[in-house]
Amino acid sequence: PLAAGEGVLPSMLDLDRAQRMVATADIGR
């Protein structure tokens, strides 16, 4: 919602470093 309203996406991850991520749909499946 912040990205939609103000155009910013806060993150505490390294902004330029690829990170493993997974969708909860895949976890459940």
Full PDB file with SEQRES, HELIX, SHEET, SSBOND, CRYST1, ORIGX, SCALE, CONECT and MASTER records, all heavy atoms in Angstrom:
SEQRES   1 A   29  PRO LEU ALA ALA GLY GLU GLY VAL LEU PRO SER MET LEU          
SEQRES   2 A   29  ASP LEU ASP ARG ALA GLN ARG MET VAL ALA THR ALA ASP          
SEQRES   3 A   29  ILE GLY ARG                                                  
HELIX    1 AA1 LEU A    2  GLU A    6  1                                   5    
HELIX    2 AA2 THR A   24  GLY A   28  1                                   5    
CRYST1    1.000    1.000    1.000  90.00  90.00  90.00 P 1           1          
ORIGX1      1.000000  0.000000  0.000000        0.00000                         
ORIGX2      0.000000  1.000000  0.000000        0.00000                         
ORIGX3      0.000000  0.000000  1.000000        0.00000                         
SCALE1      1.000000  0.000000  0.000000        0.00000                         
SCALE2      0.000000  1.000000  0.000000        0.00000                         
SCALE3      0.000000  0.000000  1.000000        0.00000                         
ATOM      1  N   PRO A   1       0.813  -1.224   0.000  1.00  0.00           N  
ATOM      2  CA  PRO A   1       0.000   0.000   0.000  1.00  0.00           C  
ATOM      3  C   PRO A   1       0.847   1.275   0.000  1.00  0.00           C  
ATOM      4  O   PRO A   1       0.471   2.278  -0.622  1.00  0.00           O  
ATOM      5  CB  PRO A   1      -0.826  -0.127   1.286  1.00  0.00           C  
ATOM      6  CG  PRO A   1      -0.917  -1.597   1.529  1.00  0.00           C  
ATOM      7  CD  PRO A   1       0.426  -2.130   1.096  1.00  0.00           C  
ATOM      8  N   LEU A   2       1.985   1.256   0.695  1.00  0.00           N  
ATOM      9  CA  LEU A   2       2.888   2.405   0.688  1.00  0.00           C  
ATOM     10  C   LEU A   2       3.470   2.617  -0.706  1.00  0.00           C  
ATOM     11  O   LEU A   2       3.592   3.752  -1.185  1.00  0.00           O  
ATOM     12  CB  LEU A   2       4.003   2.195   1.710  1.00  0.00           C  
ATOM     13  CG  LEU A   2       4.953   3.365   1.951  1.00  0.00           C  
ATOM     14  CD1 LEU A   2       4.199   4.567   2.497  1.00  0.00           C  
ATOM     15  CD2 LEU A   2       6.060   2.953   2.925  1.00  0.00           C  
ATOM     16  N   ALA A   3       3.804   1.505  -1.368  1.00  0.00           N  
ATOM     17  CA  ALA A   3       4.311   1.615  -2.743  1.00  0.00           C  
ATOM     18  C   ALA A   3       3.239   2.187  -3.657  1.00  0.00           C  
ATOM     19  O   ALA A   3       3.530   3.028  -4.517  1.00  0.00           O  
ATOM     20  CB  ALA A   3       4.751   0.240  -3.247  1.00  0.00           C  
ATOM     21  N   ALA A   4       2.003   1.746  -3.464  1.00  0.00           N  
ATOM     22  CA  ALA A   4       0.908   2.233  -4.303  1.00  0.00           C  
ATOM     23  C   ALA A   4       0.624   3.705  -4.046  1.00  0.00           C  
ATOM     24  O   ALA A   4       0.329   4.477  -4.980  1.00  0.00           O  
ATOM     25  CB  ALA A   4      -0.347   1.404  -4.059  1.00  0.00           C  
ATOM     26  N   GLY A   5       0.718   4.130  -2.782  1.00  0.00           N  
ATOM     27  CA  GLY A   5       0.362   5.498  -2.446  1.00  0.00           C  
ATOM     28  C   GLY A   5       1.479   6.497  -2.592  1.00  0.00           C  
ATOM     29  O   GLY A   5       1.254   7.638  -3.018  1.00  0.00           O  
ATOM     30  N   GLU A   6       2.720   6.081  -2.251  1.00  0.00           N  
ATOM     31  CA  GLU A   6       3.830   7.032  -2.209  1.00  0.00           C  
ATOM     32  C   GLU A   6       4.982   6.677  -3.134  1.00  0.00           C  
ATOM     33  O   GLU A   6       5.947   7.449  -3.249  1.00  0.00           O  
ATOM     34  CB  GLU A   6       4.336   7.171  -0.769  1.00  0.00           C  
ATOM     35  CG  GLU A   6       3.262   7.667   0.197  1.00  0.00           C  
ATOM     36  CD  GLU A   6       3.799   7.887   1.598  1.00  0.00           C  
ATOM     37  OE1 GLU A   6       5.020   8.119   1.739  1.00  0.00           O  
ATOM     38  OE2 GLU A   6       2.991   7.820   2.546  1.00  0.00           O  
ATOM     39  N   GLY A   7       4.920   5.499  -3.758  1.00  0.00           N  
ATOM     40  CA  GLY A   7       5.961   5.142  -4.712  1.00  0.00           C  
ATOM     41  C   GLY A   7       7.262   4.696  -4.096  1.00  0.00           C  
ATOM     42  O   GLY A   7       8.303   4.715  -4.767  1.00  0.00           O  
ATOM     43  N   VAL A   8       7.231   4.276  -2.818  1.00  0.00           N  
ATOM     44  CA  VAL A   8       8.448   3.776  -2.166  1.00  0.00           C  
ATOM     45  C   VAL A   8       8.186   2.380  -1.619  1.00  0.00           C  
ATOM     46  O   VAL A   8       7.074   2.061  -1.186  1.00  0.00           O  
ATOM     47  CB  VAL A   8       8.926   4.709  -1.039  1.00  0.00           C  
ATOM     48  CG1 VAL A   8       9.364   6.049  -1.608  1.00  0.00           C  
ATOM     49  CG2 VAL A   8       7.860   4.888   0.028  1.00  0.00           C  
ATOM     50  N   LEU A   9       9.226   1.556  -1.636  1.00  0.00           N  
ATOM     51  CA  LEU A   9       9.131   0.169  -1.159  1.00  0.00           C  
ATOM     52  C   LEU A   9      10.231  -0.051  -0.131  1.00  0.00           C  
ATOM     53  O   LEU A   9      11.375  -0.348  -0.489  1.00  0.00           O  
ATOM     54  CB  LEU A   9       9.291  -0.804  -2.331  1.00  0.00           C  
ATOM     55  CG  LEU A   9       8.937  -2.266  -2.045  1.00  0.00           C  
ATOM     56  CD1 LEU A   9       7.418  -2.439  -1.983  1.00  0.00           C  
ATOM     57  CD2 LEU A   9       9.518  -3.182  -3.113  1.00  0.00           C  
ATOM     58  N   PRO A  10       9.922   0.119   1.172  1.00  0.00           N  
ATOM     59  CA  PRO A  10      10.959  -0.062   2.195  1.00  0.00           C  
ATOM     60  C   PRO A  10      11.389  -1.516   2.306  1.00  0.00           C  
ATOM     61  O   PRO A  10      10.579  -2.427   2.176  1.00  0.00           O  
ATOM     62  CB  PRO A  10      10.262   0.399   3.481  1.00  0.00           C  
ATOM     63  CG  PRO A  10       9.036   1.136   3.044  1.00  0.00           C  
ATOM     64  CD  PRO A  10       8.637   0.533   1.747  1.00  0.00           C  
ATOM     65  N   SER A  11      12.673  -1.723   2.568  1.00  0.00           N  
ATOM     66  CA  SER A  11      13.181  -3.083   2.771  1.00  0.00           C  
ATOM     67  C   SER A  11      14.409  -3.051   3.656  1.00  0.00           C  
ATOM     68  O   SER A  11      15.277  -2.170   3.508  1.00  0.00           O  
ATOM     69  CB  SER A  11      13.545  -3.734   1.433  1.00  0.00           C  
ATOM     70  OG  SER A  11      14.099  -5.026   1.661  1.00  0.00           O  
ATOM     71  N   MET A  12      14.496  -4.005   4.541  1.00  0.00           N  
ATOM     72  CA  MET A  12      15.674  -4.170   5.387  1.00  0.00           C  
ATOM     73  C   MET A  12      16.655  -5.167   4.800  1.00  0.00           C  
ATOM     74  O   MET A  12      17.684  -5.469   5.408  1.00  0.00           O  
ATOM     75  CB  MET A  12      15.239  -4.576   6.798  1.00  0.00           C  
ATOM     76  CG  MET A  12      14.456  -3.465   7.486  1.00  0.00           C  
ATOM     77  SD  MET A  12      13.460  -4.040   8.851  1.00  0.00           S  
ATOM     78  CE  MET A  12      12.504  -2.569   9.233  1.00  0.00           C  
ATOM     79  N   LEU A  13      16.335  -5.684   3.625  1.00  0.00           N  
ATOM     80  CA  LEU A  13      17.274  -6.520   2.880  1.00  0.00           C  
ATOM     81  C   LEU A  13      18.226  -5.637   2.088  1.00  0.00           C  
ATOM     82  O   LEU A  13      17.910  -4.481   1.772  1.00  0.00           O  
ATOM     83  CB  LEU A  13      16.506  -7.431   1.917  1.00  0.00           C  
ATOM     84  CG  LEU A  13      15.496  -8.400   2.525  1.00  0.00           C  
ATOM     85  CD1 LEU A  13      14.690  -9.065   1.416  1.00  0.00           C  
ATOM     86  CD2 LEU A  13      16.198  -9.453   3.383  1.00  0.00           C  
ATOM     87  N   ASP A  14      19.387  -6.182   1.751  1.00  0.00           N  
ATOM     88  CA  ASP A  14      20.325  -5.495   0.852  1.00  0.00           C  
ATOM     89  C   ASP A  14      19.597  -5.235  -0.470  1.00  0.00           C  
ATOM     90  O   ASP A  14      19.135  -6.167  -1.132  1.00  0.00           O  
ATOM     91  CB  ASP A  14      21.543  -6.386   0.637  1.00  0.00           C  
ATOM     92  CG  ASP A  14      22.626  -5.728  -0.209  1.00  0.00           C  
ATOM     93  OD1 ASP A  14      22.280  -4.963  -1.122  1.00  0.00           O  
ATOM     94  OD2 ASP A  14      23.801  -6.015   0.030  1.00  0.00           O  
ATOM     95  N   LEU A  15      19.486  -3.970  -0.861  1.00  0.00           N  
ATOM     96  CA  LEU A  15      18.640  -3.616  -1.992  1.00  0.00           C  
ATOM     97  C   LEU A  15      19.094  -4.231  -3.308  1.00  0.00           C  
ATOM     98  O   LEU A  15      18.267  -4.462  -4.207  1.00  0.00           O  
ATOM     99  CB  LEU A  15      18.568  -2.090  -2.142  1.00  0.00           C  
ATOM    100  CG  LEU A  15      17.945  -1.316  -0.976  1.00  0.00           C  
ATOM    101  CD1 LEU A  15      17.849   0.169  -1.328  1.00  0.00           C  
ATOM    102  CD2 LEU A  15      16.584  -1.868  -0.592  1.00  0.00           C  
ATOM    103  N   ASP A  16      20.368  -4.520  -3.428  1.00  0.00           N  
ATOM    104  CA  ASP A  16      20.890  -5.015  -4.710  1.00  0.00           C  
ATOM    105  C   ASP A  16      21.269  -6.494  -4.697  1.00  0.00           C  
ATOM    106  O   ASP A  16      21.761  -7.006  -5.701  1.00  0.00           O  
ATOM    107  CB  ASP A  16      22.118  -4.192  -5.120  1.00  0.00           C  
ATOM    108  CG  ASP A  16      21.773  -2.739  -5.362  1.00  0.00           C  
ATOM    109  OD1 ASP A  16      20.837  -2.480  -6.142  1.00  0.00           O  
ATOM    110  OD2 ASP A  16      22.427  -1.860  -4.758  1.00  0.00           O  
ATOM    111  N   ARG A  17      21.035  -7.151  -3.596  1.00  0.00           N  
ATOM    112  CA  ARG A  17      21.446  -8.551  -3.467  1.00  0.00           C  
ATOM    113  C   ARG A  17      20.247  -9.477  -3.669  1.00  0.00           C  
ATOM    114  O   ARG A  17      19.218  -9.330  -3.009  1.00  0.00           O  
ATOM    115  CB  ARG A  17      22.048  -8.787  -2.081  1.00  0.00           C  
ATOM    116  CG  ARG A  17      22.447 -10.227  -1.795  1.00  0.00           C  
ATOM    117  CD  ARG A  17      22.956 -10.320  -0.371  1.00  0.00           C  
ATOM    118  NE  ARG A  17      23.117 -11.702   0.074  1.00  0.00           N  
ATOM    119  CZ  ARG A  17      23.409 -12.054   1.313  1.00  0.00           C  
ATOM    120  NH1 ARG A  17      23.576 -11.120   2.233  1.00  0.00           N  
ATOM    121  NH2 ARG A  17      23.530 -13.323   1.642  1.00  0.00           N  
ATOM    122  N   ALA A  18      20.380 -10.433  -4.582  1.00  0.00           N  
ATOM    123  CA  ALA A  18      19.301 -11.395  -4.822  1.00  0.00           C  
ATOM    124  C   ALA A  18      19.092 -12.255  -3.581  1.00  0.00           C  
ATOM    125  O   ALA A  18      20.058 -12.713  -2.959  1.00  0.00           O  
ATOM    126  CB  ALA A  18      19.616 -12.260  -6.031  1.00  0.00           C  
ATOM    127  N   GLN A  19      17.836 -12.467  -3.232  1.00  0.00           N  
ATOM    128  CA  GLN A  19      17.456 -13.183  -2.024  1.00  0.00           C  
ATOM    129  C   GLN A  19      16.484 -14.302  -2.372  1.00  0.00           C  
ATOM    130  O   GLN A  19      15.570 -14.112  -3.177  1.00  0.00           O  
ATOM    131  CB  GLN A  19      16.776 -12.194  -1.055  1.00  0.00           C  
ATOM    132  CG  GLN A  19      16.110 -12.814   0.147  1.00  0.00           C  
ATOM    133  CD  GLN A  19      17.110 -13.397   1.127  1.00  0.00           C  
ATOM    134  OE1 GLN A  19      18.201 -12.850   1.293  1.00  0.00           O  
ATOM    135  NE2 GLN A  19      16.761 -14.504   1.750  1.00  0.00           N  
ATOM    136  N   ARG A  20      16.677 -15.462  -1.770  1.00  0.00           N  
ATOM    137  CA  ARG A  20      15.687 -16.532  -1.935  1.00  0.00           C  
ATOM    138  C   ARG A  20      14.362 -16.087  -1.342  1.00  0.00           C  
ATOM    139  O   ARG A  20      14.306 -15.590  -0.216  1.00  0.00           O  
ATOM    140  CB  ARG A  20      16.166 -17.819  -1.260  1.00  0.00           C  
ATOM    141  CG  ARG A  20      17.221 -18.587  -2.034  1.00  0.00           C  
ATOM    142  CD  ARG A  20      17.665 -19.826  -1.286  1.00  0.00           C  
ATOM    143  NE  ARG A  20      18.374 -19.468  -0.066  1.00  0.00           N  
ATOM    144  CZ  ARG A  20      19.681 -19.201   0.000  1.00  0.00           C  
ATOM    145  NH1 ARG A  20      20.420 -19.275  -1.098  1.00  0.00           N  
ATOM    146  NH2 ARG A  20      20.246 -18.876   1.140  1.00  0.00           N  
ATOM    147  N   MET A  21      13.288 -16.282  -2.098  1.00  0.00           N  
ATOM    148  CA  MET A  21      11.930 -15.960  -1.652  1.00  0.00           C  
ATOM    149  C   MET A  21      11.006 -17.030  -2.191  1.00  0.00           C  
ATOM    150  O   MET A  21      11.278 -17.636  -3.223  1.00  0.00           O  
ATOM    151  CB  MET A  21      11.482 -14.588  -2.179  1.00  0.00           C  
ATOM    152  CG  MET A  21      12.373 -13.437  -1.802  1.00  0.00           C  
ATOM    153  SD  MET A  21      11.819 -11.875  -2.527  1.00  0.00           S  
ATOM    154  CE  MET A  21      13.259 -10.845  -2.192  1.00  0.00           C  
ATOM    155  N   VAL A  22       9.871 -17.235  -1.496  1.00  0.00           N  
ATOM    156  CA  VAL A  22       8.928 -18.257  -1.945  1.00  0.00           C  
ATOM    157  C   VAL A  22       7.511 -17.785  -1.654  1.00  0.00           C  
ATOM    158  O   VAL A  22       7.258 -17.109  -0.653  1.00  0.00           O  
ATOM    159  CB  VAL A  22       9.209 -19.615  -1.264  1.00  0.00           C  
ATOM    160  CG1 VAL A  22       8.981 -19.546   0.237  1.00  0.00           C  
ATOM    161  CG2 VAL A  22       8.384 -20.722  -1.890  1.00  0.00           C  
ATOM    162  N   ALA A  23       6.589 -18.122  -2.543  1.00  0.00           N  
ATOM    163  CA  ALA A  23       5.177 -17.792  -2.353  1.00  0.00           C  
ATOM    164  C   ALA A  23       4.530 -18.802  -1.416  1.00  0.00           C  
ATOM    165  O   ALA A  23       4.849 -19.997  -1.441  1.00  0.00           O  
ATOM    166  CB  ALA A  23       4.450 -17.782  -3.697  1.00  0.00           C  
ATOM    167  N   THR A  24       3.606 -18.327  -0.604  1.00  0.00           N  
ATOM    168  CA  THR A  24       2.923 -19.239   0.316  1.00  0.00           C  
ATOM    169  C   THR A  24       2.101 -20.283  -0.437  1.00  0.00           C  
ATOM    170  O   THR A  24       1.877 -21.380   0.080  1.00  0.00           O  
ATOM    171  CB  THR A  24       2.029 -18.460   1.294  1.00  0.00           C  
ATOM    172  OG1 THR A  24       1.129 -17.619   0.567  1.00  0.00           O  
ATOM    173  CG2 THR A  24       2.876 -17.610   2.222  1.00  0.00           C  
ATOM    174  N   ALA A  25       1.667 -19.967  -1.653  1.00  0.00           N  
ATOM    175  CA  ALA A  25       0.951 -20.967  -2.457  1.00  0.00           C  
ATOM    176  C   ALA A  25       1.844 -22.164  -2.737  1.00  0.00           C  
ATOM    177  O   ALA A  25       1.395 -23.315  -2.709  1.00  0.00           O  
ATOM    178  CB  ALA A  25       0.464 -20.347  -3.762  1.00  0.00           C  
ATOM    179  N   ASP A  26       3.120 -21.915  -3.006  1.00  0.00           N  
ATOM    180  CA  ASP A  26       4.056 -23.015  -3.242  1.00  0.00           C  
ATOM    181  C   ASP A  26       4.325 -23.789  -1.955  1.00  0.00           C  
ATOM    182  O   ASP A  26       4.456 -25.024  -1.972  1.00  0.00           O  
ATOM    183  CB  ASP A  26       5.372 -22.482  -3.814  1.00  0.00           C  
ATOM    184  CG  ASP A  26       5.324 -22.277  -5.316  1.00  0.00           C  
ATOM    185  OD1 ASP A  26       4.617 -23.045  -6.002  1.00  0.00           O  
ATOM    186  OD2 ASP A  26       5.994 -21.354  -5.810  1.00  0.00           O  
ATOM    187  N   ILE A  27       4.410 -23.076  -0.836  1.00  0.00           N  
ATOM    188  CA  ILE A  27       4.631 -23.771   0.439  1.00  0.00           C  
ATOM    189  C   ILE A  27       3.491 -24.736   0.716  1.00  0.00           C  
ATOM    190  O   ILE A  27       3.705 -25.914   1.040  1.00  0.00           O  
ATOM    191  CB  ILE A  27       4.765 -22.752   1.590  1.00  0.00           C  
ATOM    192  CG1 ILE A  27       6.008 -21.878   1.398  1.00  0.00           C  
ATOM    193  CG2 ILE A  27       4.825 -23.477   2.932  1.00  0.00           C  
ATOM    194  CD1 ILE A  27       6.090 -20.716   2.368  1.00  0.00           C  
ATOM    195  N   GLY A  28       2.261 -24.250   0.574  1.00  0.00           N  
ATOM    196  CA  GLY A  28       1.109 -25.099   0.840  1.00  0.00           C  
ATOM    197  C   GLY A  28       1.008 -26.269  -0.118  1.00  0.00           C  
ATOM    198  O   GLY A  28       0.686 -27.402   0.290  1.00  0.00           O  
ATOM    199  N   ARG A  29       1.286 -26.005  -1.385  1.00  0.00           N  
ATOM    200  CA  ARG A  29       1.216 -27.088  -2.379  1.00  0.00           C  
ATOM    201  C   ARG A  29       2.241 -28.169  -2.061  1.00  0.00           C  
ATOM    202  O   ARG A  29       1.911 -29.368  -2.055  1.00  0.00           O  
ATOM    203  CB  ARG A  29       1.461 -26.525  -3.784  1.00  0.00           C  
ATOM    204  CG  ARG A  29       1.523 -27.605  -4.872  1.00  0.00           C  
ATOM    205  CD  ARG A  29       1.868 -27.002  -6.222  1.00  0.00           C  
ATOM    206  NE  ARG A  29       3.134 -26.284  -6.215  1.00  0.00           N  
ATOM    207  CZ  ARG A  29       4.323 -26.857  -6.289  1.00  0.00           C  
ATOM    208  NH1 ARG A  29       4.433 -28.182  -6.358  1.00  0.00           N  
ATOM    209  NH2 ARG A  29       5.429 -26.120  -6.295  1.00  0.00           N  
TER     210      ARG A  29                                                      
MASTER        0    0    0    2    0    0    0    6  209    1    0    3          
END                                                                             
